[in-house]
Amino acid sequence: MKQSPIETEATYRIDDDQSATEAVLDAVAERAGVGVLDLSVPLYEAVDPDALNAFYRACEGSASVSFSYYGYDVEVSGSGELVLTE
């Protein structure tokens, strides 16, 4: 019998003084157990940081954007919620 991998999910709140890209980098680094500067893959290889920040600033409510980065599925919503799924 083959077992499927267990997905784990972590939810973060984007602080008022943070950009969406800062929040993503902080959350991913925390989950990966490394410093932000130690992330070996630049965020721009997964998503355009300027576009992500513009989306977050302009968006409200439940609209969200999703992408994969550093082995995580990342979802950023206009409500200020950031979800990482392994």
PDB file of N, CA and C in Angstrom:
ATOM      1  N   MET A   1       0.849  -1.176   0.000  1.00  0.00           N
ATOM      2  CA  MET A   1       0.000   0.000   0.000  1.00  0.00           C
ATOM      3  C   MET A   1       0.892   1.236   0.000  1.00  0.00           C
ATOM      4  N   LYS A   2       0.645   2.121  -0.935  1.00  0.00           N
ATOM      5  CA  LYS A   2       1.445   3.332  -1.067  1.00  0.00           C
ATOM      6  C   LYS A   2       0.811   4.461  -0.270  1.00  0.00           C
ATOM      7  N   GLN A   3       1.631   5.121   0.554  1.00  0.00           N
ATOM      8  CA  GLN A   3       1.129   6.249   1.327  1.00  0.00           C
ATOM      9  C   GLN A   3       1.426   7.546   0.595  1.00  0.00           C
ATOM     10  N   SER A   4       0.504   8.470   0.673  1.00  0.00           N
ATOM     11  CA  SER A   4       0.752   9.781   0.080  1.00  0.00           C
ATOM     12  C   SER A   4       1.408  10.679   1.122  1.00  0.00           C
ATOM     13  N   PRO A   5       2.215  11.632   0.676  1.00  0.00           N
ATOM     14  CA  PRO A   5       2.883  12.513   1.632  1.00  0.00           C
ATOM     15  C   PRO A   5       1.869  13.380   2.378  1.00  0.00           C
ATOM     16  N   ILE A   6       2.205  13.700   3.598  1.00  0.00           N
ATOM     17  CA  ILE A   6       1.344  14.544   4.409  1.00  0.00           C
ATOM     18  C   ILE A   6       1.696  16.001   4.147  1.00  0.00           C
ATOM     19  N   GLU A   7       0.701  16.782   3.753  1.00  0.00           N
ATOM     20  CA  GLU A   7       0.933  18.203   3.540  1.00  0.00           C
ATOM     21  C   GLU A   7       0.827  18.931   4.870  1.00  0.00           C
ATOM     22  N   THR A   8       1.715  19.868   5.068  1.00  0.00           N
ATOM     23  CA  THR A   8       1.606  20.716   6.243  1.00  0.00           C
ATOM     24  C   THR A   8       1.405  22.147   5.771  1.00  0.00           C
ATOM     25  N   GLU A   9       0.652  22.861   6.538  1.00  0.00           N
ATOM     26  CA  GLU A   9       0.290  24.229   6.167  1.00  0.00           C
ATOM     27  C   GLU A   9       0.583  25.147   7.339  1.00  0.00           C
ATOM     28  N   ALA A  10       1.090  26.319   7.040  1.00  0.00           N
ATOM     29  CA  ALA A  10       1.339  27.340   8.061  1.00  0.00           C
ATOM     30  C   ALA A  10       0.755  28.647   7.562  1.00  0.00           C
ATOM     31  N   THR A  11       0.060  29.345   8.449  1.00  0.00           N
ATOM     32  CA  THR A  11      -0.572  30.610   8.095  1.00  0.00           C
ATOM     33  C   THR A  11       0.118  31.746   8.846  1.00  0.00           C
ATOM     34  N   TYR A  12       0.413  32.801   8.117  1.00  0.00           N
ATOM     35  CA  TYR A  12       1.065  33.985   8.675  1.00  0.00           C
ATOM     36  C   TYR A  12       0.220  35.210   8.380  1.00  0.00           C
ATOM     37  N   ARG A  13       0.413  36.223   9.152  1.00  0.00           N
ATOM     38  CA  ARG A  13      -0.254  37.511   8.953  1.00  0.00           C
ATOM     39  C   ARG A  13       0.782  38.493   8.426  1.00  0.00           C
ATOM     40  N   ILE A  14       0.471  39.196   7.359  1.00  0.00           N
ATOM     41  CA  ILE A  14       1.384  40.208   6.823  1.00  0.00           C
ATOM     42  C   ILE A  14       1.224  41.464   7.659  1.00  0.00           C
ATOM     43  N   ASP A  15       2.316  41.909   8.279  1.00  0.00           N
ATOM     44  CA  ASP A  15       2.287  43.098   9.121  1.00  0.00           C
ATOM     45  C   ASP A  15       2.017  44.341   8.292  1.00  0.00           C
ATOM     46  N   ASP A  16       1.432  45.347   8.932  1.00  0.00           N
ATOM     47  CA  ASP A  16       1.102  46.594   8.246  1.00  0.00           C
ATOM     48  C   ASP A  16       2.334  47.294   7.679  1.00  0.00           C
ATOM     49  N   ASP A  17       3.476  47.119   8.338  1.00  0.00           N
ATOM     50  CA  ASP A  17       4.694  47.800   7.890  1.00  0.00           C
ATOM     51  C   ASP A  17       5.552  46.929   6.972  1.00  0.00           C
ATOM     52  N   GLN A  18       5.009  45.819   6.479  1.00  0.00           N
ATOM     53  CA  GLN A  18       5.728  44.880   5.627  1.00  0.00           C
ATOM     54  C   GLN A  18       5.169  44.894   4.217  1.00  0.00           C
ATOM     55  N   SER A  19       6.050  44.692   3.253  1.00  0.00           N
ATOM     56  CA  SER A  19       5.564  44.434   1.894  1.00  0.00           C
ATOM     57  C   SER A  19       5.238  42.944   1.790  1.00  0.00           C
ATOM     58  N   ALA A  20       4.511  42.584   0.762  1.00  0.00           N
ATOM     59  CA  ALA A  20       4.173  41.169   0.564  1.00  0.00           C
ATOM     60  C   ALA A  20       5.439  40.345   0.348  1.00  0.00           C
ATOM     61  N   THR A  21       6.396  40.883  -0.393  1.00  0.00           N
ATOM     62  CA  THR A  21       7.624  40.126  -0.638  1.00  0.00           C
ATOM     63  C   THR A  21       8.426  39.939   0.643  1.00  0.00           C
ATOM     64  N   GLU A  22       8.488  40.929   1.493  1.00  0.00           N
ATOM     65  CA  GLU A  22       9.180  40.783   2.779  1.00  0.00           C
ATOM     66  C   GLU A  22       8.515  39.697   3.612  1.00  0.00           C
ATOM     67  N   ALA A  23       7.195  39.699   3.627  1.00  0.00           N
ATOM     68  CA  ALA A  23       6.456  38.694   4.402  1.00  0.00           C
ATOM     69  C   ALA A  23       6.713  37.290   3.878  1.00  0.00           C
ATOM     70  N   VAL A  24       6.728  37.126   2.553  1.00  0.00           N
ATOM     71  CA  VAL A  24       6.991  35.809   1.964  1.00  0.00           C
ATOM     72  C   VAL A  24       8.389  35.337   2.340  1.00  0.00           C
ATOM     73  N   LEU A  25       9.371  36.207   2.176  1.00  0.00           N
ATOM     74  CA  LEU A  25      10.752  35.828   2.493  1.00  0.00           C
ATOM     75  C   LEU A  25      10.906  35.477   3.968  1.00  0.00           C
ATOM     76  N   ASP A  26      10.308  36.274   4.848  1.00  0.00           N
ATOM     77  CA  ASP A  26      10.391  35.992   6.286  1.00  0.00           C
ATOM     78  C   ASP A  26       9.742  34.651   6.631  1.00  0.00           C
ATOM     79  N   ALA A  27       8.557  34.407   6.079  1.00  0.00           N
ATOM     80  CA  ALA A  27       7.825  33.177   6.390  1.00  0.00           C
ATOM     81  C   ALA A  27       8.557  31.944   5.853  1.00  0.00           C
ATOM     82  N   VAL A  28       9.035  32.012   4.630  1.00  0.00           N
ATOM     83  CA  VAL A  28       9.734  30.876   4.037  1.00  0.00           C
ATOM     84  C   VAL A  28      11.028  30.599   4.803  1.00  0.00           C
ATOM     85  N   ALA A  29      11.765  31.634   5.125  1.00  0.00           N
ATOM     86  CA  ALA A  29      13.010  31.455   5.878  1.00  0.00           C
ATOM     87  C   ALA A  29      12.729  30.818   7.240  1.00  0.00           C
ATOM     88  N   GLU A  30      11.681  31.279   7.911  1.00  0.00           N
ATOM     89  CA  GLU A  30      11.330  30.708   9.210  1.00  0.00           C
ATOM     90  C   GLU A  30      10.992  29.228   9.094  1.00  0.00           C
ATOM     91  N   ARG A  31      10.153  28.884   8.115  1.00  0.00           N
ATOM     92  CA  ARG A  31       9.759  27.477   7.937  1.00  0.00           C
ATOM     93  C   ARG A  31      10.944  26.599   7.540  1.00  0.00           C
ATOM     94  N   ALA A  32      11.861  27.163   6.736  1.00  0.00           N
ATOM     95  CA  ALA A  32      13.011  26.397   6.272  1.00  0.00           C
ATOM     96  C   ALA A  32      14.124  26.344   7.315  1.00  0.00           C
ATOM     97  N   GLY A  33      14.002  27.169   8.355  1.00  0.00           N
ATOM     98  CA  GLY A  33      15.005  27.168   9.411  1.00  0.00           C
ATOM     99  C   GLY A  33      16.309  27.826   9.019  1.00  0.00           C
ATOM    100  N   VAL A  34      16.217  28.825   8.137  1.00  0.00           N
ATOM    101  CA  VAL A  34      17.408  29.561   7.711  1.00  0.00           C
ATOM    102  C   VAL A  34      17.131  31.058   7.820  1.00  0.00           C
ATOM    103  N   GLY A  35      18.174  31.853   7.710  1.00  0.00           N
ATOM    104  CA  GLY A  35      18.003  33.300   7.659  1.00  0.00           C
ATOM    105  C   GLY A  35      17.537  33.715   6.271  1.00  0.00           C
ATOM    106  N   VAL A  36      16.902  34.860   6.196  1.00  0.00           N
ATOM    107  CA  VAL A  36      16.405  35.356   4.904  1.00  0.00           C
ATOM    108  C   VAL A  36      17.547  35.446   3.890  1.00  0.00           C
ATOM    109  N   LEU A  37      18.697  35.916   4.331  1.00  0.00           N
ATOM    110  CA  LEU A  37      19.835  36.058   3.420  1.00  0.00           C
ATOM    111  C   LEU A  37      20.441  34.715   3.022  1.00  0.00           C
ATOM    112  N   ASP A  38      20.049  33.646   3.711  1.00  0.00           N
ATOM    113  CA  ASP A  38      20.564  32.316   3.408  1.00  0.00           C
ATOM    114  C   ASP A  38      19.668  31.530   2.456  1.00  0.00           C
ATOM    115  N   LEU A  39      18.547  32.101   2.038  1.00  0.00           N
ATOM    116  CA  LEU A  39      17.690  31.432   1.058  1.00  0.00           C
ATOM    117  C   LEU A  39      18.472  31.356  -0.251  1.00  0.00           C
ATOM    118  N   SER A  40      18.661  30.158  -0.763  1.00  0.00           N
ATOM    119  CA  SER A  40      19.538  29.957  -1.918  1.00  0.00           C
ATOM    120  C   SER A  40      18.885  30.271  -3.263  1.00  0.00           C
ATOM    121  N   VAL A  41      17.598  30.478  -3.269  1.00  0.00           N
ATOM    122  CA  VAL A  41      16.875  30.785  -4.509  1.00  0.00           C
ATOM    123  C   VAL A  41      16.254  32.166  -4.373  1.00  0.00           C
ATOM    124  N   PRO A  42      16.580  33.078  -5.290  1.00  0.00           N
ATOM    125  CA  PRO A  42      15.968  34.405  -5.221  1.00  0.00           C
ATOM    126  C   PRO A  42      14.459  34.342  -5.479  1.00  0.00           C
ATOM    127  N   LEU A  43      13.711  35.175  -4.783  1.00  0.00           N
ATOM    128  CA  LEU A  43      12.257  35.194  -4.942  1.00  0.00           C
ATOM    129  C   LEU A  43      11.858  35.517  -6.382  1.00  0.00           C
ATOM    130  N   TYR A  44      12.636  36.351  -7.066  1.00  0.00           N
ATOM    131  CA  TYR A  44      12.273  36.747  -8.429  1.00  0.00           C
ATOM    132  C   TYR A  44      12.291  35.575  -9.414  1.00  0.00           C
ATOM    133  N   GLU A  45      12.884  34.448  -9.023  1.00  0.00           N
ATOM    134  CA  GLU A  45      12.825  33.269  -9.890  1.00  0.00           C
ATOM    135  C   GLU A  45      11.456  32.584  -9.830  1.00  0.00           C
ATOM    136  N   ALA A  46      10.655  32.940  -8.818  1.00  0.00           N
ATOM    137  CA  ALA A  46       9.328  32.342  -8.657  1.00  0.00           C
ATOM    138  C   ALA A  46       8.204  33.305  -9.018  1.00  0.00           C
ATOM    139  N   VAL A  47       8.420  34.585  -8.731  1.00  0.00           N
ATOM    140  CA  VAL A  47       7.371  35.584  -8.937  1.00  0.00           C
ATOM    141  C   VAL A  47       8.033  36.947  -9.093  1.00  0.00           C
ATOM    142  N   ASP A  48       7.395  37.843  -9.820  1.00  0.00           N
ATOM    143  CA  ASP A  48       7.895  39.206  -9.959  1.00  0.00           C
ATOM    144  C   ASP A  48       7.608  39.943  -8.648  1.00  0.00           C
ATOM    145  N   PRO A  49       8.631  40.302  -7.870  1.00  0.00           N
ATOM    146  CA  PRO A  49       8.401  40.949  -6.570  1.00  0.00           C
ATOM    147  C   PRO A  49       7.609  42.251  -6.670  1.00  0.00           C
ATOM    148  N   ASP A  50       7.878  43.058  -7.695  1.00  0.00           N
ATOM    149  CA  ASP A  50       7.136  44.319  -7.850  1.00  0.00           C
ATOM    150  C   ASP A  50       5.663  44.056  -8.130  1.00  0.00           C
ATOM    151  N   ALA A  51       5.381  43.060  -8.962  1.00  0.00           N
ATOM    152  CA  ALA A  51       3.986  42.716  -9.268  1.00  0.00           C
ATOM    153  C   ALA A  51       3.275  42.171  -8.029  1.00  0.00           C
ATOM    154  N   LEU A  52       3.973  41.355  -7.238  1.00  0.00           N
ATOM    155  CA  LEU A  52       3.380  40.817  -6.011  1.00  0.00           C
ATOM    156  C   LEU A  52       3.043  41.942  -5.043  1.00  0.00           C
ATOM    157  N   ASN A  53       3.954  42.878  -4.856  1.00  0.00           N
ATOM    158  CA  ASN A  53       3.694  44.010  -3.960  1.00  0.00           C
ATOM    159  C   ASN A  53       2.556  44.882  -4.474  1.00  0.00           C
ATOM    160  N   ALA A  54       2.517  45.128  -5.780  1.00  0.00           N
ATOM    161  CA  ALA A  54       1.440  45.928  -6.368  1.00  0.00           C
ATOM    162  C   ALA A  54       0.091  45.232  -6.201  1.00  0.00           C
ATOM    163  N   PHE A  55       0.056  43.919  -6.436  1.00  0.00           N
ATOM    164  CA  PHE A  55      -1.178  43.147  -6.238  1.00  0.00           C
ATOM    165  C   PHE A  55      -1.661  43.304  -4.796  1.00  0.00           C
ATOM    166  N   TYR A  56      -0.760  43.107  -3.857  1.00  0.00           N
ATOM    167  CA  TYR A  56      -1.138  43.145  -2.449  1.00  0.00           C
ATOM    168  C   TYR A  56      -1.638  44.529  -2.037  1.00  0.00           C
ATOM    169  N   ARG A  57      -0.978  45.575  -2.501  1.00  0.00           N
ATOM    170  CA  ARG A  57      -1.399  46.944  -2.157  1.00  0.00           C
ATOM    171  C   ARG A  57      -2.767  47.281  -2.739  1.00  0.00           C
ATOM    172  N   ALA A  58      -3.046  46.779  -3.953  1.00  0.00           N
ATOM    173  CA  ALA A  58      -4.284  47.132  -4.652  1.00  0.00           C
ATOM    174  C   ALA A  58      -5.455  46.211  -4.316  1.00  0.00           C
ATOM    175  N   CYS A  59      -5.160  45.052  -3.795  1.00  0.00           N
ATOM    176  CA  CYS A  59      -6.169  44.019  -3.581  1.00  0.00           C
ATOM    177  C   CYS A  59      -6.848  44.168  -2.222  1.00  0.00           C
ATOM    178  N   GLU A  60      -8.077  43.741  -2.174  1.00  0.00           N
ATOM    179  CA  GLU A  60      -8.816  43.722  -0.914  1.00  0.00           C
ATOM    180  C   GLU A  60      -9.533  42.386  -0.776  1.00  0.00           C
ATOM    181  N   GLY A  61      -9.797  42.012   0.449  1.00  0.00           N
ATOM    182  CA  GLY A  61     -10.632  40.846   0.700  1.00  0.00           C
ATOM    183  C   GLY A  61     -10.005  39.524   0.354  1.00  0.00           C
ATOM    184  N   SER A  62     -10.798  38.685  -0.299  1.00  0.00           N
ATOM    185  CA  SER A  62     -10.408  37.292  -0.471  1.00  0.00           C
ATOM    186  C   SER A  62      -9.636  37.011  -1.759  1.00  0.00           C
ATOM    187  N   ALA A  63      -9.411  38.001  -2.602  1.00  0.00           N
ATOM    188  CA  ALA A  63      -8.615  37.757  -3.806  1.00  0.00           C
ATOM    189  C   ALA A  63      -7.216  37.328  -3.391  1.00  0.00           C
ATOM    190  N   SER A  64      -6.644  36.394  -4.142  1.00  0.00           N
ATOM    191  CA  SER A  64      -5.316  35.902  -3.762  1.00  0.00           C
ATOM    192  C   SER A  64      -4.500  35.554  -4.995  1.00  0.00           C
ATOM    193  N   VAL A  65      -3.214  35.417  -4.781  1.00  0.00           N
ATOM    194  CA  VAL A  65      -2.290  34.980  -5.818  1.00  0.00           C
ATOM    195  C   VAL A  65      -1.469  33.835  -5.234  1.00  0.00           C
ATOM    196  N   SER A  66      -1.188  32.831  -6.057  1.00  0.00           N
ATOM    197  CA  SER A  66      -0.450  31.656  -5.599  1.00  0.00           C
ATOM    198  C   SER A  66       0.729  31.396  -6.518  1.00  0.00           C
ATOM    199  N   PHE A  67       1.802  30.863  -5.941  1.00  0.00           N
ATOM    200  CA  PHE A  67       2.988  30.486  -6.702  1.00  0.00           C
ATOM    201  C   PHE A  67       3.803  29.520  -5.853  1.00  0.00           C
ATOM    202  N   SER A  68       4.767  28.867  -6.465  1.00  0.00           N
ATOM    203  CA  SER A  68       5.649  27.954  -5.750  1.00  0.00           C
ATOM    204  C   SER A  68       6.996  28.629  -5.552  1.00  0.00           C
ATOM    205  N   TYR A  69       7.542  28.456  -4.346  1.00  0.00           N
ATOM    206  CA  TYR A  69       8.848  29.034  -4.042  1.00  0.00           C
ATOM    207  C   TYR A  69       9.532  28.226  -2.947  1.00  0.00           C
ATOM    208  N   TYR A  70      10.759  27.852  -3.187  1.00  0.00           N
ATOM    209  CA  TYR A  70      11.631  27.195  -2.210  1.00  0.00           C
ATOM    210  C   TYR A  70      10.998  25.914  -1.642  1.00  0.00           C
ATOM    211  N   GLY A  71      10.251  25.219  -2.479  1.00  0.00           N
ATOM    212  CA  GLY A  71       9.626  23.965  -2.061  1.00  0.00           C
ATOM    213  C   GLY A  71       8.274  24.128  -1.382  1.00  0.00           C
ATOM    214  N   TYR A  72       7.754  25.327  -1.372  1.00  0.00           N
ATOM    215  CA  TYR A  72       6.454  25.605  -0.743  1.00  0.00           C
ATOM    216  C   TYR A  72       5.485  26.147  -1.780  1.00  0.00           C
ATOM    217  N   ASP A  73       4.211  25.834  -1.603  1.00  0.00           N
ATOM    218  CA  ASP A  73       3.156  26.529  -2.332  1.00  0.00           C
ATOM    219  C   ASP A  73       2.808  27.731  -1.478  1.00  0.00           C
ATOM    220  N   VAL A  74       2.882  28.906  -2.067  1.00  0.00           N
ATOM    221  CA  VAL A  74       2.673  30.167  -1.354  1.00  0.00           C
ATOM    222  C   VAL A  74       1.385  30.793  -1.853  1.00  0.00           C
ATOM    223  N   GLU A  75       0.550  31.238  -0.926  1.00  0.00           N
ATOM    224  CA  GLU A  75      -0.669  31.961  -1.288  1.00  0.00           C
ATOM    225  C   GLU A  75      -0.711  33.254  -0.485  1.00  0.00           C
ATOM    226  N   VAL A  76      -0.809  34.374  -1.206  1.00  0.00           N
ATOM    227  CA  VAL A  76      -0.896  35.695  -0.584  1.00  0.00           C
ATOM    228  C   VAL A  76      -2.279  36.245  -0.896  1.00  0.00           C
ATOM    229  N   SER A  77      -3.042  36.597   0.140  1.00  0.00           N
ATOM    230  CA  SER A  77      -4.380  37.124  -0.078  1.00  0.00           C
ATOM    231  C   SER A  77      -4.428  38.606   0.268  1.00  0.00           C
ATOM    232  N   GLY A  78      -5.370  39.271  -0.344  1.00  0.00           N
ATOM    233  CA  GLY A  78      -5.563  40.690  -0.098  1.00  0.00           C
ATOM    234  C   GLY A  78      -5.987  40.996   1.319  1.00  0.00           C
ATOM    235  N   SER A  79      -6.426  39.999   2.056  1.00  0.00           N
ATOM    236  CA  SER A  79      -6.838  40.207   3.434  1.00  0.00           C
ATOM    237  C   SER A  79      -5.652  40.247   4.403  1.00  0.00           C
ATOM    238  N   GLY A  80      -4.433  40.034   3.861  1.00  0.00           N
ATOM    239  CA  GLY A  80      -3.243  40.073   4.695  1.00  0.00           C
ATOM    240  C   GLY A  80      -2.812  38.727   5.214  1.00  0.00           C
ATOM    241  N   GLU A  81      -3.367  37.675   4.639  1.00  0.00           N
ATOM    242  CA  GLU A  81      -3.009  36.327   5.064  1.00  0.00           C
ATOM    243  C   GLU A  81      -2.019  35.730   4.072  1.00  0.00           C
ATOM    244  N   LEU A  82      -1.040  35.032   4.611  1.00  0.00           N
ATOM    245  CA  LEU A  82      -0.015  34.359   3.824  1.00  0.00           C
ATOM    246  C   LEU A  82      -0.004  32.895   4.272  1.00  0.00           C
ATOM    247  N   VAL A  83      -0.200  31.985   3.315  1.00  0.00           N
ATOM    248  CA  VAL A  83      -0.258  30.561   3.630  1.00  0.00           C
ATOM    249  C   VAL A  83       0.854  29.843   2.884  1.00  0.00           C
ATOM    250  N   LEU A  84       1.636  29.054   3.632  1.00  0.00           N
ATOM    251  CA  LEU A  84       2.671  28.194   3.048  1.00  0.00           C
ATOM    252  C   LEU A  84       2.226  26.753   3.205  1.00  0.00           C
ATOM    253  N   THR A  85       2.294  25.998   2.123  1.00  0.00           N
ATOM    254  CA  THR A  85       1.957  24.580   2.160  1.00  0.00           C
ATOM    255  C   THR A  85       3.141  23.797   1.623  1.00  0.00           C
ATOM    256  N   GLU A  86       3.549  22.772   2.369  1.00  0.00           N
ATOM    257  CA  GLU A  86       4.633  21.893   1.913  1.00  0.00           C
ATOM    258  C   GLU A  86       4.046  20.745   1.142  1.00  0.00           C
TER     259      GLU A  86
END
